[in-house]
Amino acid sequence: MENDLKTAILYTVSKLMKLYAKLIHTKENNARKIIDLENQVANTKEKREVGRSRTQNYIAEPSRALERKTHGQTDSNVAQLSEGRDKLYSELVVGRTSQKDFKTTVTSRDKQHQEK
């Protein structure tokens, strides 16, 4: 019986030592994985910050809306800024008269009856 007890104790201690070694190995693997993931997160954050700074630089560029011209506009028709403020529409159209005369000619489709 003493022999059986001794072998049971040795077997149990051996099994506990194997489990302890396995736990240590698992802990080291998890620590490596954590370090790899932290490095990956840091790299991703750096890339995101670079992307944000590019986007912020793009958004922060001043508008060139005052320089744009629509079809048919000349330099004299473009509203200019004065005294640091925009002009009102009523200020821009003061003194402008743009009366245009249009002529209309009416004819029939078959052009048989023409009025004079």
Protein backbone atom coordinates (compact mmCIF):
# COMPACT_ATOMS: atom_id res chain seq x y z
CA MET A 1 0.00 0.00 0.00
CA GLU A 2 2.91 2.31 0.73
CA ASN A 3 4.22 1.61 -2.75
CA ASP A 4 0.86 2.44 -4.36
CA LEU A 5 0.63 5.70 -2.42
CA LYS A 6 4.14 6.67 -3.46
CA THR A 7 3.42 6.03 -7.18
CA ALA A 8 0.10 7.94 -6.96
CA ILE A 9 1.89 10.94 -5.46
CA LEU A 10 4.62 10.84 -8.15
CA TYR A 11 2.01 10.52 -10.88
CA THR A 12 0.03 13.47 -9.50
CA VAL A 13 3.14 15.66 -9.09
CA SER A 14 4.27 14.79 -12.62
CA LYS A 15 0.85 15.68 -14.00
CA LEU A 16 0.80 19.00 -12.06
CA MET A 17 4.28 19.88 -13.38
CA LYS A 18 3.14 19.23 -16.96
CA LEU A 19 0.05 21.37 -16.46
CA TYR A 20 2.19 24.14 -14.93
CA ALA A 21 4.58 24.04 -17.93
CA LYS A 22 1.62 24.15 -20.30
CA LEU A 23 0.17 27.19 -18.46
CA ILE A 24 3.54 28.99 -18.64
CA HIS A 25 3.77 28.23 -22.38
CA THR A 26 0.19 29.47 -22.95
CA LYS A 27 0.93 32.63 -20.97
CA GLU A 28 4.00 33.37 -23.10
CA ASN A 29 2.05 32.79 -26.33
CA ASN A 30 -0.73 35.09 -25.15
CA ALA A 31 1.81 37.76 -24.20
CA ARG A 32 3.32 37.56 -27.71
CA LYS A 33 -0.12 37.81 -29.29
CA ILE A 34 -0.96 40.84 -27.12
CA ILE A 35 2.27 42.58 -28.15
CA ASP A 36 1.58 41.83 -31.84
CA LEU A 37 -1.97 43.16 -31.55
CA GLU A 38 -0.79 46.31 -29.74
CA ASN A 39 1.74 46.93 -32.54
CA GLN A 40 -0.97 46.39 -35.13
CA VAL A 41 -3.30 48.83 -33.35
CA ALA A 42 -0.52 51.43 -33.14
CA ASN A 43 0.21 51.07 -36.87
CA THR A 44 -3.48 51.36 -37.72
CA LYS A 45 -3.81 54.49 -35.58
CA GLU A 46 -0.79 56.05 -37.31
CA LYS A 47 -2.24 55.31 -40.74
CA ARG A 48 -5.61 56.70 -39.69
CA GLU A 49 -4.00 59.90 -38.37
CA VAL A 50 -2.12 60.32 -41.64
CA GLY A 51 -5.39 59.87 -43.52
CA ARG A 52 -7.17 62.34 -41.26
CA SER A 53 -4.47 64.95 -41.64
CA ARG A 54 -4.72 64.63 -45.43
CA THR A 55 -8.50 64.97 -45.26
CA GLN A 56 -8.30 67.90 -42.88
CA ASN A 57 -5.80 69.63 -45.15
CA TYR A 58 -8.10 69.06 -48.09
CA ILE A 59 -11.15 70.35 -46.27
CA ALA A 60 -9.29 73.32 -44.84
CA GLU A 61 -8.36 74.69 -48.28
CA PRO A 62 -10.04 78.03 -49.00
CA SER A 63 -12.94 78.11 -51.38
CA ARG A 64 -12.35 79.50 -54.83
CA ALA A 65 -16.04 80.24 -55.37
CA LEU A 66 -15.41 83.96 -55.94
CA GLU A 67 -13.08 83.16 -58.83
CA ARG A 68 -15.54 80.92 -60.69
CA LYS A 69 -17.44 82.27 -63.64
CA THR A 70 -20.64 80.92 -65.06
CA HIS A 71 -21.36 80.72 -68.76
CA GLY A 72 -21.69 84.14 -70.31
CA GLN A 73 -20.31 86.17 -67.41
CA THR A 74 -17.70 88.79 -67.98
CA ASP A 75 -15.41 90.33 -65.41
CA SER A 76 -17.62 93.42 -65.13
CA ASN A 77 -20.66 91.32 -64.16
CA VAL A 78 -18.94 89.43 -61.35
CA ALA A 79 -19.71 90.86 -57.91
CA GLN A 80 -16.60 92.06 -56.16
CA LEU A 81 -16.10 92.13 -52.42
CA SER A 82 -15.73 95.57 -50.93
CA GLU A 83 -14.78 96.65 -47.45
CA GLY A 84 -14.57 93.07 -46.27
CA ARG A 85 -18.26 92.23 -46.74
CA ASP A 86 -20.46 90.84 -49.51
CA LYS A 87 -22.62 93.24 -51.46
CA LEU A 88 -26.36 92.90 -51.30
CA TYR A 89 -28.28 92.07 -54.45
CA SER A 90 -30.07 95.41 -54.27
CA GLU A 91 -26.70 97.19 -54.23
CA LEU A 92 -25.53 95.26 -57.26
CA VAL A 93 -28.52 95.97 -59.50
CA VAL A 94 -28.78 99.68 -58.76
CA GLY A 95 -28.47 101.68 -61.97
CA ARG A 96 -28.71 98.67 -64.29
CA THR A 97 -31.40 98.72 -66.90
CA SER A 98 -31.65 95.68 -69.06
CA GLN A 99 -34.74 96.08 -71.17
CA LYS A 100 -34.65 93.83 -74.16
CA ASP A 101 -36.98 93.95 -77.12
CA PHE A 102 -38.12 90.69 -78.62
CA LYS A 103 -39.85 90.16 -81.96
CA THR A 104 -42.25 87.34 -82.62
CA THR A 105 -43.30 86.10 -86.02
CA VAL A 106 -46.29 83.81 -86.26
CA THR A 107 -46.78 81.64 -89.33
CA SER A 108 -49.07 78.72 -90.03
CA ARG A 109 -47.66 75.29 -90.33
CA ASP A 110 -48.64 74.75 -93.90
CA LYS A 111 -47.94 78.41 -94.84
CA GLN A 112 -51.07 78.72 -96.98
CA HIS A 113 -52.68 81.61 -95.15
CA GLN A 114 -50.39 84.43 -94.27
CA GLU A 115 -51.58 87.60 -92.60
CA LYS A 116 -49.97 90.87 -93.44
